[in-house]
């Protein structure tokens, strides 16, 4: 009997090591992708005058935020293109192409001439670079969420899949940390003049490293699944309208809340609360670090209580808390006060972000999983998440900043309704059945 048990335990340990390595490899590439995308938002306070020389600070930030939002408009195309590639040709292939494309977009921004050198061509080329990055990151979310959900073991799927948002938040954190280091080395004038380019060079180099890491990943889908008729097509996806709509509605409130309390907060603290750019960067660095650490805890919680309960708690909390918390934050005067308020809000958002990828992956069968997750997420994210900064700044420019608070709260209600309409995917999702049947590895 011992001779029969030992190989089983060895196989189990080997399988665990394989899955952990796959999570590490997949999430490290995810980290680079999101760093490259978010470093734009982190450095916008400095480079905006180089591309939009006229107007006050709010106008310049509004223009920069508009181009940030333009990158999101490519996400549905990226979600469709890379989702189709991921379903038909494999998750690994899709993830390698997306990170290579992100490298090109970052390098393009790093060497871009300013408005003073080439006039209106400068912001035009900036738009082109952001379109390339938007296409890349639009495909990254769906494929990486699908891959990390498929590679995780059933009983710990929420915990392991939460590392997608650990690295997504880590990308934002890394972007802020690089900015904080620049602020410690260079004067504000030097950063505005040229040093803002350094983070984009770093991102391009890191993407090359991520490309080689992803080459070593094993594929989770089988040749039989990839060869099924209709795999990765919109036609087959439209035969599953309910999970597609649930993905869109969940993402609309979740992404809007996420971008409000992360990428927009740096501008909010400077433009509304009266913080200096340096103080806002340091505050948000500590916030994002703590928020990142929360994701595995909330992911593990979903493995115990279910995904549906967590999503309902996010929807309720977001609907009730958004207006009072943002109103309170507008008048905050201390870094600790801002830290506590923002982290409190993000703790509620963690009920969504920690399981965002896995709950959507569990809604779709393997042959359209990358497409369904990627396209559904990208549609809602481009319409509501990517426009969060622009909408917030527009309301502020119109003297109606508090209206934005109600705007966020309203979409949290939409996410709540979507959560109420679904069964618990931990128990009733496709992933558990497919792993047992050998359709994913």
Protein backbone atom coordinates (compact mmCIF):
# COMPACT_ATOMS: atom_id res chain seq x y z
CA UNK A 1 0.00 0.00 0.00
CA UNK A 2 2.73 2.65 0.86
CA UNK A 3 4.35 1.98 -2.54
CA UNK A 4 1.06 2.76 -4.22
CA UNK A 5 0.36 5.93 -2.17
CA UNK A 6 3.81 7.52 -2.60
CA UNK A 7 3.61 8.00 -6.38
CA UNK A 8 0.17 9.55 -5.98
CA UNK A 9 1.52 12.10 -3.52
CA UNK A 10 4.49 12.79 -5.77
CA UNK A 11 2.19 13.33 -8.72
CA UNK A 12 0.06 15.68 -6.66
CA UNK A 13 3.08 17.73 -5.60
CA UNK A 14 4.36 17.84 -9.19
CA UNK A 15 0.95 18.96 -10.39
CA UNK A 16 0.83 21.69 -7.72
CA UNK A 17 4.30 22.93 -8.73
CA UNK A 18 3.23 23.00 -12.38
CA UNK A 19 0.13 25.01 -11.59
CA UNK A 20 1.98 27.45 -9.32
CA UNK A 21 4.65 28.03 -11.97
CA UNK A 22 1.95 28.63 -14.57
CA UNK A 23 0.30 31.19 -12.29
CA UNK A 24 3.66 32.91 -11.74
CA UNK A 25 4.49 32.93 -15.45
CA UNK A 26 1.07 34.11 -16.53
CA UNK A 27 0.76 36.75 -13.84
CA UNK A 28 4.25 38.19 -14.42
CA UNK A 29 3.33 38.90 -18.02
CA UNK A 30 0.06 40.39 -16.81
CA UNK A 31 2.02 42.66 -14.45
CA UNK A 32 4.10 44.05 -17.31
CA UNK A 33 1.07 44.56 -19.55
CA UNK A 34 -0.79 46.60 -16.94
CA UNK A 35 2.31 48.54 -15.88
CA UNK A 36 2.79 49.63 -19.49
CA UNK A 37 -0.85 50.68 -19.74
CA UNK A 38 -1.10 52.51 -16.40
CA UNK A 39 2.21 54.34 -16.51
CA UNK A 40 0.46 56.73 -18.88
CA UNK A 41 -2.04 57.71 -16.17
CA UNK A 42 0.69 57.91 -13.52
CA UNK A 43 2.84 60.34 -15.52
CA UNK A 44 0.04 62.38 -17.16
CA UNK A 45 0.40 65.17 -14.59
CA UNK A 46 3.89 65.81 -15.98
CA UNK A 47 3.74 65.18 -19.72
CA UNK A 48 0.28 66.67 -20.46
CA UNK A 49 1.69 70.22 -21.08
CA UNK A 50 4.15 68.78 -23.64
CA UNK A 51 1.32 67.56 -25.83
CA UNK A 52 -1.43 70.02 -24.87
CA UNK A 53 0.38 73.30 -24.19
CA UNK A 54 -2.64 75.59 -23.85
CA UNK A 55 -5.26 75.79 -21.09
CA UNK A 56 -5.31 75.41 -17.32
CA UNK A 57 -4.38 72.25 -15.43
CA UNK A 58 -7.89 70.77 -15.54
CA UNK A 59 -8.10 71.29 -19.32
CA UNK A 60 -4.71 69.67 -19.90
CA UNK A 61 -5.65 66.71 -17.70
CA UNK A 62 -8.99 66.46 -19.49
CA UNK A 63 -7.19 66.17 -22.84
CA UNK A 64 -4.77 63.58 -21.45
CA UNK A 65 -7.67 61.65 -19.91
CA UNK A 66 -9.47 61.70 -23.26
CA UNK A 67 -6.51 59.93 -24.88
CA UNK A 68 -6.39 57.51 -21.92
CA UNK A 69 -10.05 56.75 -22.68
CA UNK A 70 -9.28 56.34 -26.41
CA UNK A 71 -7.05 53.40 -25.49
CA UNK A 72 -10.08 51.75 -23.95
CA UNK A 73 -12.10 52.12 -27.16
CA UNK A 74 -9.83 49.54 -28.78
CA UNK A 75 -10.48 47.03 -26.02
CA UNK A 76 -13.58 45.42 -27.58
CA UNK A 77 -11.59 44.82 -30.79
CA UNK A 78 -8.72 43.44 -28.73
CA UNK A 79 -11.12 41.31 -26.69
CA UNK A 80 -12.57 39.85 -29.88
CA UNK A 81 -9.25 39.37 -31.73
CA UNK A 82 -7.23 37.86 -28.89
CA UNK A 83 -10.21 35.95 -27.54
CA UNK A 84 -10.62 34.30 -30.94
CA UNK A 85 -6.89 33.53 -31.06
CA UNK A 86 -6.95 32.17 -27.50
CA UNK A 87 -9.89 29.86 -28.18
CA UNK A 88 -8.73 28.66 -31.60
CA UNK A 89 -4.94 28.59 -31.28
CA UNK A 90 -4.34 28.46 -27.53
CA UNK A 91 -4.14 30.79 -24.55
CA UNK A 92 -0.32 30.90 -24.58
CA UNK A 93 -0.13 32.08 -28.20
CA UNK A 94 -2.62 34.85 -27.54
CA UNK A 95 -0.78 36.06 -24.42
CA UNK A 96 2.58 36.15 -26.24
CA UNK A 97 1.25 38.28 -29.08
CA UNK A 98 -0.47 40.73 -26.74
CA UNK A 99 2.63 41.41 -24.63
CA UNK A 100 4.75 41.96 -27.76
CA UNK A 101 2.25 44.51 -29.02
CA UNK A 102 2.29 46.32 -25.67
CA UNK A 103 6.07 46.55 -25.90
CA UNK A 104 5.80 48.35 -29.24
CA UNK A 105 3.21 50.85 -27.93
CA UNK A 106 5.31 51.74 -24.88
CA UNK A 107 8.47 52.21 -26.94
CA UNK A 108 6.56 54.45 -29.33
CA UNK A 109 5.44 56.77 -26.49
CA UNK A 110 8.96 56.79 -25.01
CA UNK A 111 10.48 58.28 -28.18
CA UNK A 112 7.56 60.47 -29.25
CA UNK A 113 8.39 64.14 -30.11
CA UNK A 114 6.42 66.82 -28.28
CA UNK A 115 3.97 69.45 -29.56
CA UNK A 116 6.79 72.02 -29.63
CA UNK A 117 8.72 69.83 -32.10
CA UNK A 118 6.09 68.53 -34.52
CA UNK A 119 2.90 70.39 -33.61
CA UNK A 120 -0.45 68.62 -33.81
CA UNK A 121 1.22 65.43 -35.03
CA UNK A 122 2.46 64.85 -31.45
CA UNK A 123 -0.95 64.28 -29.82
CA UNK A 124 -2.06 62.42 -32.97
CA UNK A 125 0.81 59.93 -32.66
CA UNK A 126 0.11 59.67 -28.94
CA UNK A 127 -3.41 58.55 -29.85
CA UNK A 128 -2.01 55.93 -32.24
CA UNK A 129 0.28 54.54 -29.53
CA UNK A 130 -2.60 54.34 -27.07
CA UNK A 131 -4.75 52.57 -29.67
CA UNK A 132 -2.04 49.91 -30.02
CA UNK A 133 -1.78 49.53 -26.25
CA UNK A 134 -5.56 49.44 -25.93
CA UNK A 135 -5.77 46.65 -28.49
CA UNK A 136 -3.12 44.70 -26.61
CA UNK A 137 -4.54 45.09 -23.11
CA UNK A 138 -8.06 44.48 -24.41
CA UNK A 139 -6.93 40.99 -25.36
CA UNK A 140 -4.76 40.52 -22.29
CA UNK A 141 -7.54 40.57 -19.71
CA UNK A 142 -9.75 37.90 -21.25
CA UNK A 143 -6.96 35.50 -22.15
CA UNK A 144 -5.00 35.82 -18.90
CA UNK A 145 -8.17 35.60 -16.79
CA UNK A 146 -9.14 32.48 -18.70
CA UNK A 147 -5.68 30.93 -18.46
CA UNK A 148 -5.20 31.59 -14.75
CA UNK A 149 -8.71 30.28 -13.96
CA UNK A 150 -8.19 27.12 -16.01
CA UNK A 151 -4.76 26.34 -14.58
CA UNK A 152 -5.87 26.69 -10.93
CA UNK A 153 -7.02 23.68 -8.90
CA UNK A 154 -10.77 23.51 -8.28
CA UNK A 155 -10.83 23.96 -4.50
CA UNK A 156 -8.46 26.96 -4.59
CA UNK A 157 -9.57 28.51 -7.87
CA UNK A 158 -10.73 31.81 -6.35
CA UNK A 159 -7.45 32.19 -4.44
CA UNK A 160 -5.14 31.46 -7.37
CA UNK A 161 -7.21 33.36 -9.95
CA UNK A 162 -7.11 36.43 -7.69
CA UNK A 163 -3.46 36.84 -8.64
CA UNK A 164 -4.63 38.26 -11.94
CA UNK A 165 -5.76 41.37 -10.09
CA UNK A 166 -2.74 41.18 -7.78
CA UNK A 167 -0.58 41.73 -10.84
CA UNK A 168 -3.06 44.14 -12.43
CA UNK A 169 -2.91 46.30 -9.30
CA UNK A 170 0.81 45.55 -9.11
CA UNK A 171 1.18 47.11 -12.54
CA UNK A 172 -0.40 50.31 -11.26
CA UNK A 173 1.71 50.16 -8.12
CA UNK A 174 4.90 49.64 -10.07
CA UNK A 175 4.02 52.60 -12.30
CA UNK A 176 3.53 54.79 -9.22
CA UNK A 177 6.72 53.51 -7.58
CA UNK A 178 8.73 54.36 -10.68
CA UNK A 179 7.18 57.85 -10.61
CA UNK A 180 7.98 58.26 -6.90
CA UNK A 181 11.61 57.31 -7.59
CA UNK A 182 11.76 59.84 -10.43
CA UNK A 183 10.32 62.50 -8.14
CA UNK A 184 13.08 61.74 -5.64
CA UNK A 185 15.85 61.97 -8.22
CA UNK A 186 14.73 64.73 -10.57
CA UNK A 187 13.12 68.13 -10.13
CA UNK A 188 9.53 68.64 -11.33
CA UNK A 189 10.90 70.70 -14.23
CA UNK A 190 13.21 67.88 -15.32
CA UNK A 191 10.41 65.32 -15.17
CA UNK A 192 8.16 67.56 -17.26
CA UNK A 193 10.94 68.19 -19.76
CA UNK A 194 12.23 64.65 -20.41
CA UNK A 195 12.35 62.27 -17.42
CA UNK A 196 8.69 61.28 -17.86
CA UNK A 197 9.90 59.13 -20.78
CA UNK A 198 11.96 56.81 -18.55
CA UNK A 199 8.98 54.74 -17.25
CA UNK A 200 7.94 53.97 -20.84
CA UNK A 201 11.43 52.71 -21.73
CA UNK A 202 11.31 50.50 -18.62
CA UNK A 203 7.95 49.11 -19.70
CA UNK A 204 9.15 48.26 -23.20
CA UNK A 205 12.17 46.39 -21.83
CA UNK A 206 10.09 44.51 -19.23
CA UNK A 207 7.66 43.37 -21.94
CA UNK A 208 10.49 41.58 -23.73
CA UNK A 209 11.29 39.69 -20.51
CA UNK A 210 7.60 38.78 -20.11
CA UNK A 211 7.53 37.45 -23.67
CA UNK A 212 10.23 34.89 -22.86
CA UNK A 213 8.50 33.91 -19.61
CA UNK A 214 5.27 33.21 -21.46
CA UNK A 215 7.02 31.01 -24.00
CA UNK A 216 7.61 28.50 -21.19
CA UNK A 217 3.94 28.22 -20.16
CA UNK A 218 2.00 25.04 -20.87
CA UNK A 219 -1.25 25.21 -22.83
CA UNK A 220 -4.47 24.59 -20.85
CA UNK A 221 -6.84 23.73 -23.71
CA UNK A 222 -6.82 20.49 -25.68
CA UNK A 223 -6.53 20.13 -29.44
CA UNK A 224 -10.01 18.58 -29.46
CA UNK A 225 -11.54 21.64 -27.78
CA UNK A 226 -9.76 24.07 -30.12
CA UNK A 227 -10.93 22.10 -33.17
CA UNK A 228 -14.64 22.17 -32.30
CA UNK A 229 -16.93 23.79 -34.85
CA UNK A 230 -17.57 27.45 -34.04
CA UNK A 231 -14.73 27.72 -31.52
CA UNK A 232 -13.85 31.35 -30.85
CA UNK A 233 -16.62 32.79 -33.05
CA UNK A 234 -19.15 35.52 -32.32
CA UNK A 235 -21.84 33.25 -33.77
CA UNK A 236 -21.26 30.64 -31.07
CA UNK A 237 -20.89 33.28 -28.36
CA UNK A 238 -24.31 34.74 -29.19
CA UNK A 239 -25.85 31.38 -28.34
CA UNK A 240 -24.93 32.20 -24.73
CA UNK A 241 -26.55 35.63 -24.29
CA UNK A 242 -27.18 35.43 -20.53
CA UNK A 243 -23.55 34.95 -19.40
CA UNK A 244 -22.43 37.58 -21.92
CA UNK A 245 -24.88 40.15 -20.50
CA UNK A 246 -23.99 39.17 -16.94
CA UNK A 247 -20.31 39.76 -17.74
CA UNK A 248 -21.05 43.17 -19.25
CA UNK A 249 -23.23 44.34 -16.35
CA UNK A 250 -20.87 43.03 -13.66
CA UNK A 251 -17.95 44.75 -15.34
CA UNK A 252 -19.71 48.09 -15.82
CA UNK A 253 -19.99 48.80 -12.10
CA UNK A 254 -16.86 46.92 -11.08
CA UNK A 255 -14.56 48.63 -13.57
CA UNK A 256 -16.02 52.09 -12.95
CA UNK A 257 -15.49 51.71 -9.19
CA UNK A 258 -12.01 50.27 -9.69
CA UNK A 259 -10.78 53.09 -11.95
CA UNK A 260 -12.42 55.73 -9.78
CA UNK A 261 -10.51 54.65 -6.68
CA UNK A 262 -7.21 53.83 -8.43
CA UNK A 263 -6.18 55.71 -11.59
CA UNK A 264 -8.44 58.74 -11.02
CA UNK A 265 -7.60 59.13 -7.32
CA UNK A 266 -4.18 60.65 -7.99
CA UNK A 267 -5.84 63.45 -9.96
CA UNK A 268 -8.69 63.76 -7.47
CA UNK A 269 -6.31 64.28 -4.56
CA UNK A 270 -4.39 66.96 -6.50
CA UNK A 271 -7.28 68.67 -8.26
CA UNK A 272 -9.97 68.49 -5.54
CA UNK A 273 -8.38 67.72 -2.17
CA UNK A 274 -5.45 70.10 -2.75
CA UNK A 275 -2.55 67.62 -2.40
CA UNK A 276 0.73 68.17 -4.24
CA UNK A 277 1.47 65.71 -7.05
CA UNK A 278 4.29 64.15 -5.02
CA UNK A 279 2.13 63.72 -1.90
CA UNK A 280 -0.71 62.21 -3.92
CA UNK A 281 1.69 59.73 -5.57
CA UNK A 282 3.10 58.55 -2.23
CA UNK A 283 -0.38 58.21 -0.69
CA UNK A 284 -1.67 56.16 -3.62
CA UNK A 285 1.44 53.98 -3.58
CA UNK A 286 0.65 52.86 -0.01
CA UNK A 287 -3.04 52.45 -0.85
CA UNK A 288 -2.38 50.27 -3.88
CA UNK A 289 0.12 48.11 -2.01
CA UNK A 290 -2.42 47.31 0.72
CA UNK A 291 -5.17 46.84 -1.87
CA UNK A 292 -2.99 44.38 -3.77
CA UNK A 293 -2.48 42.30 -0.62
CA UNK A 294 -6.24 42.08 -0.07
CA UNK A 295 -6.92 40.23 -3.34
CA UNK A 296 -5.80 36.69 -2.34
CA UNK A 297 -7.69 37.02 0.97
CA UNK A 298 -10.95 37.90 -0.78
CA UNK A 299 -10.29 35.28 -3.48
CA UNK A 300 -9.85 32.60 -0.80
CA UNK A 301 -13.04 33.84 0.87
CA UNK A 302 -14.95 33.20 -2.36
CA UNK A 303 -13.72 29.58 -2.31
CA UNK A 304 -15.49 29.19 1.03
CA UNK A 305 -18.67 31.28 0.74
CA UNK A 306 -19.15 31.34 -3.05
CA UNK A 307 -18.70 33.91 -5.81
CA UNK A 308 -22.31 35.15 -5.82
CA UNK A 309 -22.25 36.27 -2.16
CA UNK A 310 -19.06 38.27 -2.77
CA UNK A 311 -20.48 40.00 -5.84
CA UNK A 312 -23.68 40.90 -3.98
CA UNK A 313 -21.62 42.44 -1.15
CA UNK A 314 -19.70 44.54 -3.70
CA UNK A 315 -22.88 45.77 -5.37
CA UNK A 316 -24.55 46.69 -2.08
CA UNK A 317 -21.45 48.32 -0.63
CA UNK A 318 -20.71 50.31 -3.78
CA UNK A 319 -24.27 51.54 -4.08
CA UNK A 320 -24.47 52.69 -0.44
CA UNK A 321 -20.95 53.94 0.27
CA UNK A 322 -19.77 55.73 -2.87
CA UNK A 323 -21.41 59.12 -2.39
CA UNK A 324 -20.55 59.62 1.32
CA UNK A 325 -16.97 58.35 0.89
CA UNK A 326 -16.13 60.54 -2.11
CA UNK A 327 -17.80 63.53 -0.44
CA UNK A 328 -15.67 62.96 2.65
CA UNK A 329 -12.53 62.49 0.56
CA UNK A 330 -13.05 65.82 -1.22
CA UNK A 331 -12.47 67.64 2.06
CA UNK A 332 -9.70 65.48 3.49
CA UNK A 333 -6.54 67.31 4.55
CA UNK A 334 -4.18 64.58 5.77
CA UNK A 335 -2.43 61.77 3.91
CA UNK A 336 -3.53 59.23 6.53
CA UNK A 337 -7.16 60.34 6.20
CA UNK A 338 -7.02 59.95 2.42
CA UNK A 339 -5.31 56.56 2.79
CA UNK A 340 -8.00 55.25 5.17
CA UNK A 341 -10.94 56.44 3.06
CA UNK A 342 -9.61 55.14 -0.26
CA UNK A 343 -8.50 51.80 1.16
CA UNK A 344 -11.88 51.36 2.84
CA UNK A 345 -13.59 51.89 -0.48
CA UNK A 346 -11.20 49.50 -2.23
CA UNK A 347 -11.86 46.82 0.38
CA UNK A 348 -15.47 46.81 -0.83
CA UNK A 349 -14.31 46.81 -4.46
CA UNK A 350 -12.15 43.75 -3.63
CA UNK A 351 -15.29 41.63 -3.40
CA UNK A 352 -15.45 42.15 -7.18
CA UNK A 353 -11.83 42.50 -8.32
CA UNK A 354 -10.48 39.43 -6.51
CA UNK A 355 -12.84 37.12 -8.42
CA UNK A 356 -13.48 39.24 -11.50
CA UNK A 357 -11.64 36.90 -13.85
CA UNK A 358 -12.63 33.54 -12.41
CA UNK A 359 -16.35 34.24 -12.09
CA UNK A 360 -16.53 35.26 -15.75
CA UNK A 361 -14.42 32.28 -16.85
CA UNK A 362 -16.79 29.96 -14.99
CA UNK A 363 -19.74 31.37 -16.93
CA UNK A 364 -18.54 30.19 -20.38
CA UNK A 365 -17.62 26.81 -21.94
CA UNK A 366 -13.98 26.32 -23.01
CA UNK A 367 -14.56 26.82 -26.75
CA UNK A 368 -15.70 30.45 -26.29
CA UNK A 369 -14.26 31.23 -22.85
CA UNK A 370 -11.46 33.59 -23.84
CA UNK A 371 -13.77 35.36 -26.31
CA UNK A 372 -16.71 35.62 -23.92
CA UNK A 373 -14.63 36.86 -20.99
CA UNK A 374 -12.50 39.20 -23.08
CA UNK A 375 -15.20 40.75 -25.24
CA UNK A 376 -17.81 41.09 -22.49
CA UNK A 377 -15.29 42.69 -20.16
CA UNK A 378 -13.86 44.94 -22.88
CA UNK A 379 -17.23 46.34 -23.97
CA UNK A 380 -18.18 47.43 -20.45
CA UNK A 381 -14.65 48.44 -19.51
CA UNK A 382 -14.22 50.69 -22.53
CA UNK A 383 -17.59 52.39 -22.03
CA UNK A 384 -17.45 52.90 -18.27
CA UNK A 385 -14.04 52.03 -16.80
CA UNK A 386 -11.84 53.77 -19.34
CA UNK A 387 -14.00 56.88 -19.37
CA UNK A 388 -14.07 57.25 -15.57
CA UNK A 389 -11.37 59.93 -15.45
CA UNK A 390 -12.80 61.85 -18.38
CA UNK A 391 -16.35 61.82 -17.01
CA UNK A 392 -15.16 62.83 -13.53
CA UNK A 393 -13.07 65.70 -14.87
CA UNK A 394 -15.90 66.82 -17.15
CA UNK A 395 -18.33 67.02 -14.23
CA UNK A 396 -15.71 68.97 -12.26
CA UNK A 397 -15.18 71.39 -15.15
CA UNK A 398 -18.96 71.97 -15.23
CA UNK A 399 -19.03 72.66 -11.48
CA UNK A 400 -20.99 69.46 -10.77
CA UNK A 401 -18.33 67.16 -9.34
CA UNK A 402 -20.69 65.49 -6.86
CA UNK A 403 -22.85 64.24 -9.76
CA UNK A 404 -20.02 61.89 -10.65
CA UNK A 405 -20.33 60.29 -7.21
CA UNK A 406 -23.95 59.36 -7.95
CA UNK A 407 -22.92 58.15 -11.42
CA UNK A 408 -20.56 55.59 -9.86
CA UNK A 409 -23.16 54.54 -7.30
CA UNK A 410 -25.75 53.94 -10.02
CA UNK A 411 -23.54 51.52 -11.91
CA UNK A 412 -22.79 49.60 -8.73
CA UNK A 413 -26.55 48.99 -8.53
CA UNK A 414 -26.39 47.56 -12.07
CA UNK A 415 -23.64 45.14 -10.98
CA UNK A 416 -25.76 44.17 -7.98
CA UNK A 417 -28.71 43.29 -10.22
CA UNK A 418 -26.44 41.17 -12.40
CA UNK A 419 -25.11 39.28 -9.35
CA UNK A 420 -28.63 38.62 -8.13
CA UNK A 421 -29.53 37.11 -11.51
CA UNK A 422 -26.83 34.44 -11.51
CA UNK A 423 -26.21 31.14 -9.76
CA UNK A 424 -23.02 30.57 -7.79
CA UNK A 425 -20.43 29.77 -10.47
CA UNK A 426 -18.14 28.06 -7.96
CA UNK A 427 -20.66 25.20 -7.80
CA UNK A 428 -22.55 25.50 -11.08
CA UNK A 429 -19.85 26.85 -13.43
CA UNK A 430 -18.34 25.23 -16.52
CA UNK A 431 -14.74 25.00 -15.26
CA UNK A 432 -15.36 22.31 -12.62
CA UNK A 433 -17.16 20.04 -15.10
CA UNK A 434 -14.54 20.51 -17.81
CA UNK A 435 -11.58 19.86 -15.53
CA UNK A 436 -13.19 16.61 -14.39
CA UNK A 437 -13.82 15.62 -18.01
CA UNK A 438 -10.27 16.49 -19.14
CA UNK A 439 -11.34 19.30 -21.50
CA UNK A 440 -8.82 21.64 -19.81
CA UNK A 441 -5.44 20.78 -18.28
